[in-house]
């Protein structure tokens, strides 16, 4: 597991103690971090060769839709993930991403 993900998990438990965390390490090297904080749901999916995706999920988010944002840099993905968590910690309301809004318009 990349050191950056170990550090992220430590920081989350320290800085966001109210967060409910699910951590799924797969034999392929893929790591999925799902987190709920103040009624908002987030996911970070790391793939060792394909990059990292970051999403905010909603009750009606369909499965396997893809991530809201994709990053080649794990550090950039972690930074964005922490921005979302900080927003939830401050009590800011969730807002649908542009990707989800476009998906909704297609229906």
PDB file of N, CA and C in Angstrom:
ATOM      1  N   UNK A   1       0.855  -1.181   0.000  1.00  0.00           N
ATOM      2  CA  UNK A   1       0.000   0.000   0.000  1.00  0.00           C
ATOM      3  C   UNK A   1       0.892   1.231   0.000  1.00  0.00           C
ATOM      4  N   UNK A   2       0.562   2.198  -0.841  1.00  0.00           N
ATOM      5  CA  UNK A   2       1.349   3.433  -0.859  1.00  0.00           C
ATOM      6  C   UNK A   2       1.339   4.128   0.500  1.00  0.00           C
ATOM      7  N   UNK A   3       2.469   4.675   0.845  1.00  0.00           N
ATOM      8  CA  UNK A   3       2.615   5.408   2.103  1.00  0.00           C
ATOM      9  C   UNK A   3       1.596   6.540   2.203  1.00  0.00           C
ATOM     10  N   UNK A   4       1.319   7.189   1.087  1.00  0.00           N
ATOM     11  CA  UNK A   4       0.368   8.306   1.084  1.00  0.00           C
ATOM     12  C   UNK A   4      -1.004   7.882   1.598  1.00  0.00           C
ATOM     13  N   UNK A   5      -1.419   6.661   1.257  1.00  0.00           N
ATOM     14  CA  UNK A   5      -2.718   6.177   1.733  1.00  0.00           C
ATOM     15  C   UNK A   5      -2.674   5.855   3.226  1.00  0.00           C
ATOM     16  N   UNK A   6      -1.561   5.345   3.695  1.00  0.00           N
ATOM     17  CA  UNK A   6      -1.410   5.099   5.128  1.00  0.00           C
ATOM     18  C   UNK A   6      -1.493   6.401   5.912  1.00  0.00           C
ATOM     19  N   UNK A   7      -0.827   7.422   5.391  1.00  0.00           N
ATOM     20  CA  UNK A   7      -0.858   8.738   6.036  1.00  0.00           C
ATOM     21  C   UNK A   7      -2.273   9.296   6.003  1.00  0.00           C
ATOM     22  N   UNK A   8      -2.956   9.159   4.861  1.00  0.00           N
ATOM     23  CA  UNK A   8      -4.332   9.653   4.749  1.00  0.00           C
ATOM     24  C   UNK A   8      -5.232   8.999   5.796  1.00  0.00           C
ATOM     25  N   UNK A   9      -5.155   7.703   5.929  1.00  0.00           N
ATOM     26  CA  UNK A   9      -5.989   7.019   6.917  1.00  0.00           C
ATOM     27  C   UNK A   9      -5.702   7.521   8.329  1.00  0.00           C
ATOM     28  N   UNK A  10      -4.442   7.738   8.642  1.00  0.00           N
ATOM     29  CA  UNK A  10      -4.077   8.276   9.959  1.00  0.00           C
ATOM     30  C   UNK A  10      -4.637   9.676  10.164  1.00  0.00           C
ATOM     31  N   UNK A  11      -4.516  10.511   9.130  1.00  0.00           N
ATOM     32  CA  UNK A  11      -5.018  11.886   9.228  1.00  0.00           C
ATOM     33  C   UNK A  11      -6.535  11.916   9.382  1.00  0.00           C
ATOM     34  N   UNK A  12      -7.214  11.029   8.681  1.00  0.00           N
ATOM     35  CA  UNK A  12      -8.677  10.997   8.772  1.00  0.00           C
ATOM     36  C   UNK A  12      -9.112  10.626  10.186  1.00  0.00           C
ATOM     37  N   UNK A  13      -8.492   9.609  10.759  1.00  0.00           N
ATOM     38  CA  UNK A  13      -8.891   9.210  12.110  1.00  0.00           C
ATOM     39  C   UNK A  13      -8.575  10.307  13.125  1.00  0.00           C
ATOM     40  N   UNK A  14      -7.535  11.092  12.864  1.00  0.00           N
ATOM     41  CA  UNK A  14      -7.176  12.188  13.772  1.00  0.00           C
ATOM     42  C   UNK A  14      -8.063  13.418  13.553  1.00  0.00           C
ATOM     43  N   UNK A  15      -8.227  13.824  12.286  1.00  0.00           N
ATOM     44  CA  UNK A  15      -8.895  15.091  11.972  1.00  0.00           C
ATOM     45  C   UNK A  15     -10.414  14.986  11.813  1.00  0.00           C
ATOM     46  N   UNK A  16     -10.899  13.785  11.549  1.00  0.00           N
ATOM     47  CA  UNK A  16     -12.333  13.577  11.311  1.00  0.00           C
ATOM     48  C   UNK A  16     -12.813  12.388  12.141  1.00  0.00           C
ATOM     49  N   UNK A  17     -12.756  12.496  13.466  1.00  0.00           N
ATOM     50  CA  UNK A  17     -13.080  11.345  14.313  1.00  0.00           C
ATOM     51  C   UNK A  17     -14.524  10.868  14.184  1.00  0.00           C
ATOM     52  N   UNK A  18     -15.421  11.703  13.693  1.00  0.00           N
ATOM     53  CA  UNK A  18     -16.819  11.301  13.529  1.00  0.00           C
ATOM     54  C   UNK A  18     -17.052  10.507  12.241  1.00  0.00           C
ATOM     55  N   UNK A  19     -16.042  10.403  11.410  1.00  0.00           N
ATOM     56  CA  UNK A  19     -16.197   9.722  10.123  1.00  0.00           C
ATOM     57  C   UNK A  19     -16.355   8.219  10.303  1.00  0.00           C
ATOM     58  N   UNK A  20     -17.250   7.644   9.521  1.00  0.00           N
ATOM     59  CA  UNK A  20     -17.379   6.178   9.436  1.00  0.00           C
ATOM     60  C   UNK A  20     -16.586   5.743   8.212  1.00  0.00           C
ATOM     61  N   UNK A  21     -15.625   4.867   8.426  1.00  0.00           N
ATOM     62  CA  UNK A  21     -14.679   4.499   7.373  1.00  0.00           C
ATOM     63  C   UNK A  21     -14.844   3.034   6.992  1.00  0.00           C
ATOM     64  N   UNK A  22     -14.832   2.784   5.683  1.00  0.00           N
ATOM     65  CA  UNK A  22     -14.735   1.428   5.148  1.00  0.00           C
ATOM     66  C   UNK A  22     -13.494   1.387   4.271  1.00  0.00           C
ATOM     67  N   UNK A  23     -12.643   0.415   4.498  1.00  0.00           N
ATOM     68  CA  UNK A  23     -11.378   0.300   3.773  1.00  0.00           C
ATOM     69  C   UNK A  23     -11.341  -1.069   3.122  1.00  0.00           C
ATOM     70  N   UNK A  24     -11.274  -1.108   1.803  1.00  0.00           N
ATOM     71  CA  UNK A  24     -11.239  -2.367   1.071  1.00  0.00           C
ATOM     72  C   UNK A  24      -9.944  -2.481   0.276  1.00  0.00           C
ATOM     73  N   UNK A  25      -8.982  -3.256   0.769  1.00  0.00           N
ATOM     74  CA  UNK A  25      -7.770  -3.524  -0.008  1.00  0.00           C
ATOM     75  C   UNK A  25      -7.961  -4.808  -0.830  1.00  0.00           C
ATOM     76  N   UNK A  26      -7.748  -4.735  -2.116  1.00  0.00           N
ATOM     77  CA  UNK A  26      -7.919  -5.886  -2.987  1.00  0.00           C
ATOM     78  C   UNK A  26      -6.556  -6.467  -3.371  1.00  0.00           C
ATOM     79  N   UNK A  27      -6.494  -7.773  -3.647  1.00  0.00           N
ATOM     80  CA  UNK A  27      -5.222  -8.404  -4.007  1.00  0.00           C
ATOM     81  C   UNK A  27      -4.552  -7.779  -5.232  1.00  0.00           C
ATOM     82  N   UNK A  28      -5.338  -7.162  -6.102  1.00  0.00           N
ATOM     83  CA  UNK A  28      -4.810  -6.533  -7.316  1.00  0.00           C
ATOM     84  C   UNK A  28      -4.011  -5.266  -7.024  1.00  0.00           C
ATOM     85  N   UNK A  29      -4.080  -4.785  -5.782  1.00  0.00           N
ATOM     86  CA  UNK A  29      -3.437  -3.525  -5.432  1.00  0.00           C
ATOM     87  C   UNK A  29      -4.405  -2.361  -5.374  1.00  0.00           C
ATOM     88  N   UNK A  30      -5.621  -2.569  -5.887  1.00  0.00           N
ATOM     89  CA  UNK A  30      -6.657  -1.535  -5.809  1.00  0.00           C
ATOM     90  C   UNK A  30      -7.047  -1.354  -4.347  1.00  0.00           C
ATOM     91  N   UNK A  31      -7.232  -0.104  -3.957  1.00  0.00           N
ATOM     92  CA  UNK A  31      -7.649   0.235  -2.600  1.00  0.00           C
ATOM     93  C   UNK A  31      -8.858   1.153  -2.704  1.00  0.00           C
ATOM     94  N   UNK A  32      -9.920   0.824  -1.968  1.00  0.00           N
ATOM     95  CA  UNK A  32     -11.135   1.643  -1.987  1.00  0.00           C
ATOM     96  C   UNK A  32     -11.399   2.126  -0.568  1.00  0.00           C
ATOM     97  N   UNK A  33     -11.478   3.439  -0.433  1.00  0.00           N
ATOM     98  CA  UNK A  33     -11.785   4.075   0.837  1.00  0.00           C
ATOM     99  C   UNK A  33     -13.151   4.732   0.708  1.00  0.00           C
ATOM    100  N   UNK A  34     -14.123   4.231   1.454  1.00  0.00           N
ATOM    101  CA  UNK A  34     -15.466   4.816   1.495  1.00  0.00           C
ATOM    102  C   UNK A  34     -15.633   5.442   2.864  1.00  0.00           C
ATOM    103  N   UNK A  35     -16.232   6.609   2.884  1.00  0.00           N
ATOM    104  CA  UNK A  35     -16.306   7.350   4.132  1.00  0.00           C
ATOM    105  C   UNK A  35     -17.611   8.119   4.204  1.00  0.00           C
ATOM    106  N   UNK A  36     -18.227   8.122   5.378  1.00  0.00           N
ATOM    107  CA  UNK A  36     -19.419   8.937   5.610  1.00  0.00           C
ATOM    108  C   UNK A  36     -19.117   9.915   6.733  1.00  0.00           C
ATOM    109  N   UNK A  37     -19.448  11.179   6.493  1.00  0.00           N
ATOM    110  CA  UNK A  37     -19.200  12.230   7.473  1.00  0.00           C
ATOM    111  C   UNK A  37     -20.329  13.251   7.396  1.00  0.00           C
ATOM    112  N   UNK A  38     -20.999  13.469   8.506  1.00  0.00           N
ATOM    113  CA  UNK A  38     -22.101  14.435   8.588  1.00  0.00           C
ATOM    114  C   UNK A  38     -23.152  14.224   7.498  1.00  0.00           C
ATOM    115  N   UNK A  39     -23.483  12.961   7.244  1.00  0.00           N
ATOM    116  CA  UNK A  39     -24.526  12.648   6.280  1.00  0.00           C
ATOM    117  C   UNK A  39     -24.087  12.685   4.831  1.00  0.00           C
ATOM    118  N   UNK A  40     -22.820  12.936   4.581  1.00  0.00           N
ATOM    119  CA  UNK A  40     -22.305  12.949   3.210  1.00  0.00           C
ATOM    120  C   UNK A  40     -21.417  11.728   3.006  1.00  0.00           C
ATOM    121  N   UNK A  41     -21.416  11.186   1.789  1.00  0.00           N
ATOM    122  CA  UNK A  41     -20.675   9.969   1.475  1.00  0.00           C
ATOM    123  C   UNK A  41     -19.634  10.239   0.392  1.00  0.00           C
ATOM    124  N   UNK A  42     -18.428   9.763   0.647  1.00  0.00           N
ATOM    125  CA  UNK A  42     -17.311  10.001  -0.257  1.00  0.00           C
ATOM    126  C   UNK A  42     -16.591   8.695  -0.552  1.00  0.00           C
ATOM    127  N   UNK A  43     -15.900   8.677  -1.701  1.00  0.00           N
ATOM    128  CA  UNK A  43     -15.125   7.493  -2.057  1.00  0.00           C
ATOM    129  C   UNK A  43     -13.849   7.916  -2.764  1.00  0.00           C
ATOM    130  N   UNK A  44     -12.777   7.252  -2.401  1.00  0.00           N
ATOM    131  CA  UNK A  44     -11.496   7.394  -3.081  1.00  0.00           C
ATOM    132  C   UNK A  44     -11.091   5.995  -3.509  1.00  0.00           C
ATOM    133  N   UNK A  45     -10.833   5.820  -4.796  1.00  0.00           N
ATOM    134  CA  UNK A  45     -10.416   4.518  -5.317  1.00  0.00           C
ATOM    135  C   UNK A  45      -9.054   4.660  -5.975  1.00  0.00           C
ATOM    136  N   UNK A  46      -8.081   3.988  -5.388  1.00  0.00           N
ATOM    137  CA  UNK A  46      -6.713   4.006  -5.903  1.00  0.00           C
ATOM    138  C   UNK A  46      -6.462   2.753  -6.730  1.00  0.00           C
ATOM    139  N   UNK A  47      -5.884   2.930  -7.903  1.00  0.00           N
ATOM    140  CA  UNK A  47      -5.465   1.805  -8.746  1.00  0.00           C
ATOM    141  C   UNK A  47      -3.985   2.012  -9.051  1.00  0.00           C
ATOM    142  N   UNK A  48      -3.155   1.004  -8.839  1.00  0.00           N
ATOM    143  CA  UNK A  48      -1.714   1.198  -8.981  1.00  0.00           C
ATOM    144  C   UNK A  48      -1.243   1.591 -10.381  1.00  0.00           C
ATOM    145  N   UNK A  49      -2.012   1.295 -11.410  1.00  0.00           N
ATOM    146  CA  UNK A  49      -1.580   1.647 -12.768  1.00  0.00           C
ATOM    147  C   UNK A  49      -2.538   2.566 -13.513  1.00  0.00           C
ATOM    148  N   UNK A  50      -3.737   2.768 -12.986  1.00  0.00           N
ATOM    149  CA  UNK A  50      -4.744   3.557 -13.712  1.00  0.00           C
ATOM    150  C   UNK A  50      -5.084   4.884 -13.063  1.00  0.00           C
ATOM    151  N   UNK A  51      -4.481   5.204 -11.936  1.00  0.00           N
ATOM    152  CA  UNK A  51      -4.770   6.471 -11.283  1.00  0.00           C
ATOM    153  C   UNK A  51      -5.767   6.320 -10.153  1.00  0.00           C
ATOM    154  N   UNK A  52      -6.296   7.456  -9.719  1.00  0.00           N
ATOM    155  CA  UNK A  52      -7.165   7.492  -8.546  1.00  0.00           C
ATOM    156  C   UNK A  52      -8.419   8.296  -8.846  1.00  0.00           C
ATOM    157  N   UNK A  53      -9.560   7.764  -8.431  1.00  0.00           N
ATOM    158  CA  UNK A  53     -10.828   8.461  -8.602  1.00  0.00           C
ATOM    159  C   UNK A  53     -11.357   8.931  -7.266  1.00  0.00           C
ATOM    160  N   UNK A  54     -12.021  10.093  -7.292  1.00  0.00           N
ATOM    161  CA  UNK A  54     -12.624  10.671  -6.097  1.00  0.00           C
ATOM    162  C   UNK A  54     -14.067  11.034  -6.430  1.00  0.00           C
ATOM    163  N   UNK A  55     -14.977  10.675  -5.523  1.00  0.00           N
ATOM    164  CA  UNK A  55     -16.401  10.943  -5.751  1.00  0.00           C
ATOM    165  C   UNK A  55     -17.109  11.321  -4.468  1.00  0.00           C
ATOM    166  N   UNK A  56     -18.175  12.077  -4.624  1.00  0.00           N
ATOM    167  CA  UNK A  56     -19.159  12.233  -3.565  1.00  0.00           C
ATOM    168  C   UNK A  56     -20.393  11.492  -4.046  1.00  0.00           C
ATOM    169  N   UNK A  57     -20.865  10.561  -3.246  1.00  0.00           N
ATOM    170  CA  UNK A  57     -22.009   9.754  -3.633  1.00  0.00           C
ATOM    171  C   UNK A  57     -23.257  10.199  -2.878  1.00  0.00           C
ATOM    172  N   UNK A  58     -24.390   9.961  -3.523  1.00  0.00           N
ATOM    173  CA  UNK A  58     -25.681  10.316  -2.967  1.00  0.00           C
ATOM    174  C   UNK A  58     -26.528   9.056  -2.864  1.00  0.00           C
ATOM    175  N   UNK A  59     -27.624   9.135  -2.155  1.00  0.00           N
ATOM    176  CA  UNK A  59     -28.497   7.965  -1.998  1.00  0.00           C
ATOM    177  C   UNK A  59     -28.924   7.397  -3.344  1.00  0.00           C
ATOM    178  N   UNK A  60     -29.100   8.271  -4.342  1.00  0.00           N
ATOM    179  CA  UNK A  60     -29.569   7.809  -5.648  1.00  0.00           C
ATOM    180  C   UNK A  60     -28.445   7.681  -6.677  1.00  0.00           C
ATOM    181  N   UNK A  61     -27.200   7.714  -6.239  1.00  0.00           N
ATOM    182  CA  UNK A  61     -26.090   7.533  -7.170  1.00  0.00           C
ATOM    183  C   UNK A  61     -26.102   6.087  -7.652  1.00  0.00           C
ATOM    184  N   UNK A  62     -26.212   5.882  -8.966  1.00  0.00           N
ATOM    185  CA  UNK A  62     -26.225   4.500  -9.460  1.00  0.00           C
ATOM    186  C   UNK A  62     -24.846   3.854  -9.297  1.00  0.00           C
ATOM    187  N   UNK A  63     -24.803   2.549  -9.117  1.00  0.00           N
ATOM    188  CA  UNK A  63     -23.512   1.877  -8.991  1.00  0.00           C
ATOM    189  C   UNK A  63     -22.751   1.890 -10.315  1.00  0.00           C
ATOM    190  N   UNK A  64     -21.454   1.846 -10.208  1.00  0.00           N
ATOM    191  CA  UNK A  64     -20.558   1.708 -11.361  1.00  0.00           C
ATOM    192  C   UNK A  64     -20.679   2.844 -12.370  1.00  0.00           C
ATOM    193  N   UNK A  65     -20.991   4.032 -11.897  1.00  0.00           N
ATOM    194  CA  UNK A  65     -21.139   5.177 -12.783  1.00  0.00           C
ATOM    195  C   UNK A  65     -19.794   5.813 -13.112  1.00  0.00           C
ATOM    196  N   UNK A  66     -18.795   5.499 -12.371  1.00  0.00           N
ATOM    197  CA  UNK A  66     -17.487   6.138 -12.533  1.00  0.00           C
ATOM    198  C   UNK A  66     -17.330   7.226 -11.495  1.00  0.00           C
ATOM    199  N   UNK A  67     -16.150   7.772 -11.435  1.00  0.00           N
ATOM    200  CA  UNK A  67     -15.862   8.773 -10.417  1.00  0.00           C
ATOM    201  C   UNK A  67     -16.124  10.182 -10.921  1.00  0.00           C
ATOM    202  N   UNK A  68     -16.365  11.088  -9.978  1.00  0.00           N
ATOM    203  CA  UNK A  68     -16.590  12.489 -10.320  1.00  0.00           C
ATOM    204  C   UNK A  68     -15.321  13.114 -10.887  1.00  0.00           C
ATOM    205  N   UNK A  69     -14.187  12.733 -10.302  1.00  0.00           N
ATOM    206  CA  UNK A  69     -12.910  13.298 -10.718  1.00  0.00           C
ATOM    207  C   UNK A  69     -11.872  12.191 -10.769  1.00  0.00           C
ATOM    208  N   UNK A  70     -10.977  12.264 -11.752  1.00  0.00           N
ATOM    209  CA  UNK A  70      -9.908  11.277 -11.900  1.00  0.00           C
ATOM    210  C   UNK A  70      -8.562  11.990 -11.874  1.00  0.00           C
ATOM    211  N   UNK A  71      -7.604  11.355 -11.227  1.00  0.00           N
ATOM    212  CA  UNK A  71      -6.281  11.955 -11.048  1.00  0.00           C
ATOM    213  C   UNK A  71      -5.195  10.951 -11.391  1.00  0.00           C
ATOM    214  N   UNK A  72      -4.184  11.405 -12.115  1.00  0.00           N
ATOM    215  CA  UNK A  72      -2.986  10.593 -12.325  1.00  0.00           C
ATOM    216  C   UNK A  72      -2.119  10.632 -11.076  1.00  0.00           C
ATOM    217  N   UNK A  73      -2.177  11.746 -10.365  1.00  0.00           N
ATOM    218  CA  UNK A  73      -1.373  11.950  -9.158  1.00  0.00           C
ATOM    219  C   UNK A  73      -2.168  11.549  -7.913  1.00  0.00           C
ATOM    220  N   UNK A  74      -1.624  10.613  -7.157  1.00  0.00           N
ATOM    221  CA  UNK A  74      -2.269  10.219  -5.902  1.00  0.00           C
ATOM    222  C   UNK A  74      -2.314  11.387  -4.931  1.00  0.00           C
ATOM    223  N   UNK A  75      -1.258  12.187  -4.884  1.00  0.00           N
ATOM    224  CA  UNK A  75      -1.233  13.349  -3.988  1.00  0.00           C
ATOM    225  C   UNK A  75      -2.356  14.332  -4.306  1.00  0.00           C
ATOM    226  N   UNK A  76      -2.600  14.580  -5.593  1.00  0.00           N
ATOM    227  CA  UNK A  76      -3.687  15.486  -5.981  1.00  0.00           C
ATOM    228  C   UNK A  76      -5.046  14.907  -5.601  1.00  0.00           C
ATOM    229  N   UNK A  77      -5.210  13.611  -5.788  1.00  0.00           N
ATOM    230  CA  UNK A  77      -6.477  12.960  -5.426  1.00  0.00           C
ATOM    231  C   UNK A  77      -6.717  13.055  -3.922  1.00  0.00           C
ATOM    232  N   UNK A  78      -5.678  12.819  -3.147  1.00  0.00           N
ATOM    233  CA  UNK A  78      -5.802  12.894  -1.689  1.00  0.00           C
ATOM    234  C   UNK A  78      -6.131  14.315  -1.256  1.00  0.00           C
ATOM    235  N   UNK A  79      -5.505  15.288  -1.884  1.00  0.00           N
ATOM    236  CA  UNK A  79      -5.781  16.686  -1.557  1.00  0.00           C
ATOM    237  C   UNK A  79      -7.248  17.019  -1.822  1.00  0.00           C
ATOM    238  N   UNK A  80      -7.769  16.579  -2.948  1.00  0.00           N
ATOM    239  CA  UNK A  80      -9.176  16.833  -3.281  1.00  0.00           C
ATOM    240  C   UNK A  80     -10.108  16.111  -2.304  1.00  0.00           C
ATOM    241  N   UNK A  81      -9.767  14.879  -1.956  1.00  0.00           N
ATOM    242  CA  UNK A  81     -10.567  14.104  -1.012  1.00  0.00           C
ATOM    243  C   UNK A  81     -10.632  14.830   0.327  1.00  0.00           C
ATOM    244  N   UNK A  82      -9.508  15.340   0.788  1.00  0.00           N
ATOM    245  CA  UNK A  82      -9.469  16.056   2.063  1.00  0.00           C
ATOM    246  C   UNK A  82     -10.248  17.365   1.993  1.00  0.00           C
ATOM    247  N   UNK A  83     -10.270  18.025   0.825  1.00  0.00           N
ATOM    248  CA  UNK A  83     -11.092  19.229   0.657  1.00  0.00           C
ATOM    249  C   UNK A  83     -12.576  18.880   0.864  1.00  0.00           C
ATOM    250  N   UNK A  84     -13.001  17.784   0.270  1.00  0.00           N
ATOM    251  CA  UNK A  84     -14.396  17.364   0.417  1.00  0.00           C
ATOM    252  C   UNK A  84     -14.723  17.038   1.870  1.00  0.00           C
ATOM    253  N   UNK A  85     -13.810  16.342   2.544  1.00  0.00           N
ATOM    254  CA  UNK A  85     -14.038  16.005   3.949  1.00  0.00           C
ATOM    255  C   UNK A  85     -14.103  17.257   4.813  1.00  0.00           C
ATOM    256  N   UNK A  86     -13.241  18.217   4.547  1.00  0.00           N
ATOM    257  CA  UNK A  86     -13.254  19.473   5.301  1.00  0.00           C
ATOM    258  C   UNK A  86     -14.575  20.204   5.104  1.00  0.00           C
ATOM    259  N   UNK A  87     -15.081  20.187   3.889  1.00  0.00           N
ATOM    260  CA  UNK A  87     -16.380  20.806   3.595  1.00  0.00           C
ATOM    261  C   UNK A  87     -17.486  20.145   4.420  1.00  0.00           C
ATOM    262  N   UNK A  88     -17.460  18.815   4.477  1.00  0.00           N
ATOM    263  CA  UNK A  88     -18.474  18.096   5.266  1.00  0.00           C
ATOM    264  C   UNK A  88     -18.313  18.390   6.750  1.00  0.00           C
ATOM    265  N   UNK A  89     -17.084  18.486   7.218  1.00  0.00           N
ATOM    266  CA  UNK A  89     -16.836  18.765   8.635  1.00  0.00           C
ATOM    267  C   UNK A  89     -17.379  20.142   9.014  1.00  0.00           C
ATOM    268  N   UNK A  90     -17.273  21.112   8.091  1.00  0.00           N
ATOM    269  CA  UNK A  90     -17.780  22.468   8.346  1.00  0.00           C
ATOM    270  C   UNK A  90     -19.301  22.520   8.265  1.00  0.00           C
ATOM    271  N   UNK A  91     -19.926  21.420   7.859  1.00  0.00           N
ATOM    272  CA  UNK A  91     -21.382  21.367   7.778  1.00  0.00           C
ATOM    273  C   UNK A  91     -21.940  21.882   6.476  1.00  0.00           C
ATOM    274  N   UNK A  92     -21.078  22.070   5.485  1.00  0.00           N
ATOM    275  CA  UNK A  92     -21.571  22.535   4.187  1.00  0.00           C
ATOM    276  C   UNK A  92     -22.423  21.452   3.552  1.00  0.00           C
ATOM    277  N   UNK A  93     -23.415  21.873   2.791  1.00  0.00           N
ATOM    278  CA  UNK A  93     -24.319  20.946   2.124  1.00  0.00           C
ATOM    279  C   UNK A  93     -23.622  20.302   0.923  1.00  0.00           C
ATOM    280  N   UNK A  94     -24.046  19.108   0.626  1.00  0.00           N
ATOM    281  CA  UNK A  94     -23.547  18.401  -0.549  1.00  0.00           C
ATOM    282  C   UNK A  94     -24.059  19.092  -1.804  1.00  0.00           C
ATOM    283  N   UNK A  95     -23.255  19.051  -2.838  1.00  0.00           N
ATOM    284  CA  UNK A  95     -23.710  19.551  -4.134  1.00  0.00           C
ATOM    285  C   UNK A  95     -23.316  18.540  -5.186  1.00  0.00           C
ATOM    286  N   UNK A  96     -24.215  18.303  -6.066  1.00  0.00           N
ATOM    287  CA  UNK A  96     -23.935  17.317  -7.114  1.00  0.00           C
ATOM    288  C   UNK A  96     -22.853  17.830  -8.040  1.00  0.00           C
ATOM    289  N   UNK A  97     -22.002  16.923  -8.441  1.00  0.00           N
ATOM    290  CA  UNK A  97     -20.916  17.285  -9.348  1.00  0.00           C
ATOM    291  C   UNK A  97     -21.467  17.552 -10.739  1.00  0.00           C
ATOM    292  N   UNK A  98     -20.676  18.209 -11.548  1.00  0.00           N
ATOM    293  CA  UNK A  98     -21.072  18.466 -12.931  1.00  0.00           C
ATOM    294  C   UNK A  98     -21.316  17.153 -13.665  1.00  0.00           C
ATOM    295  N   UNK A  99     -20.515  16.137 -13.367  1.00  0.00           N
ATOM    296  CA  UNK A  99     -20.688  14.838 -14.024  1.00  0.00           C
ATOM    297  C   UNK A  99     -22.052  14.247 -13.694  1.00  0.00           C
ATOM    298  N   UNK A 100     -22.469  14.313 -12.447  1.00  0.00           N
ATOM    299  CA  UNK A 100     -23.760  13.760 -12.052  1.00  0.00           C
ATOM    300  C   UNK A 100     -24.897  14.576 -12.656  1.00  0.00           C
ATOM    301  N   UNK A 101     -24.752  15.883 -12.708  1.00  0.00           N
ATOM    302  CA  UNK A 101     -25.791  16.733 -13.299  1.00  0.00           C
ATOM    303  C   UNK A 101     -25.970  16.392 -14.770  1.00  0.00           C
ATOM    304  N   UNK A 102     -24.858  16.207 -15.483  1.00  0.00           N
ATOM    305  CA  UNK A 102     -24.941  15.831 -16.895  1.00  0.00           C
ATOM    306  C   UNK A 102     -25.614  14.475 -17.035  1.00  0.00           C
ATOM    307  N   UNK A 103     -25.285  13.529 -16.184  1.00  0.00           N
ATOM    308  CA  UNK A 103     -25.897  12.203 -16.225  1.00  0.00           C
ATOM    309  C   UNK A 103     -27.397  12.308 -16.005  1.00  0.00           C
ATOM    310  N   UNK A 104     -27.823  13.127 -15.047  1.00  0.00           N
ATOM    311  CA  UNK A 104     -29.238  13.307 -14.775  1.00  0.00           C
ATOM    312  C   UNK A 104     -29.975  13.905 -15.966  1.00  0.00           C
ATOM    313  N   UNK A 105     -29.336  14.827 -16.672  1.00  0.00           N
ATOM    314  CA  UNK A 105     -29.972  15.484 -17.814  1.00  0.00           C
ATOM    315  C   UNK A 105     -30.206  14.518 -18.962  1.00  0.00           C
ATOM    316  N   UNK A 106     -29.397  13.451 -19.054  1.00  0.00           N
ATOM    317  CA  UNK A 106     -29.542  12.487 -20.136  1.00  0.00           C
ATOM    318  C   UNK A 106     -30.763  11.611 -19.968  1.00  0.00           C
ATOM    319  N   UNK A 107     -31.286  11.524 -18.764  1.00  0.00           N
ATOM    320  CA  UNK A 107     -32.436  10.627 -18.496  1.00  0.00           C
ATOM    321  C   UNK A 107     -33.710  11.166 -19.046  1.00  0.00           C
TER     322      UNK A 107
END
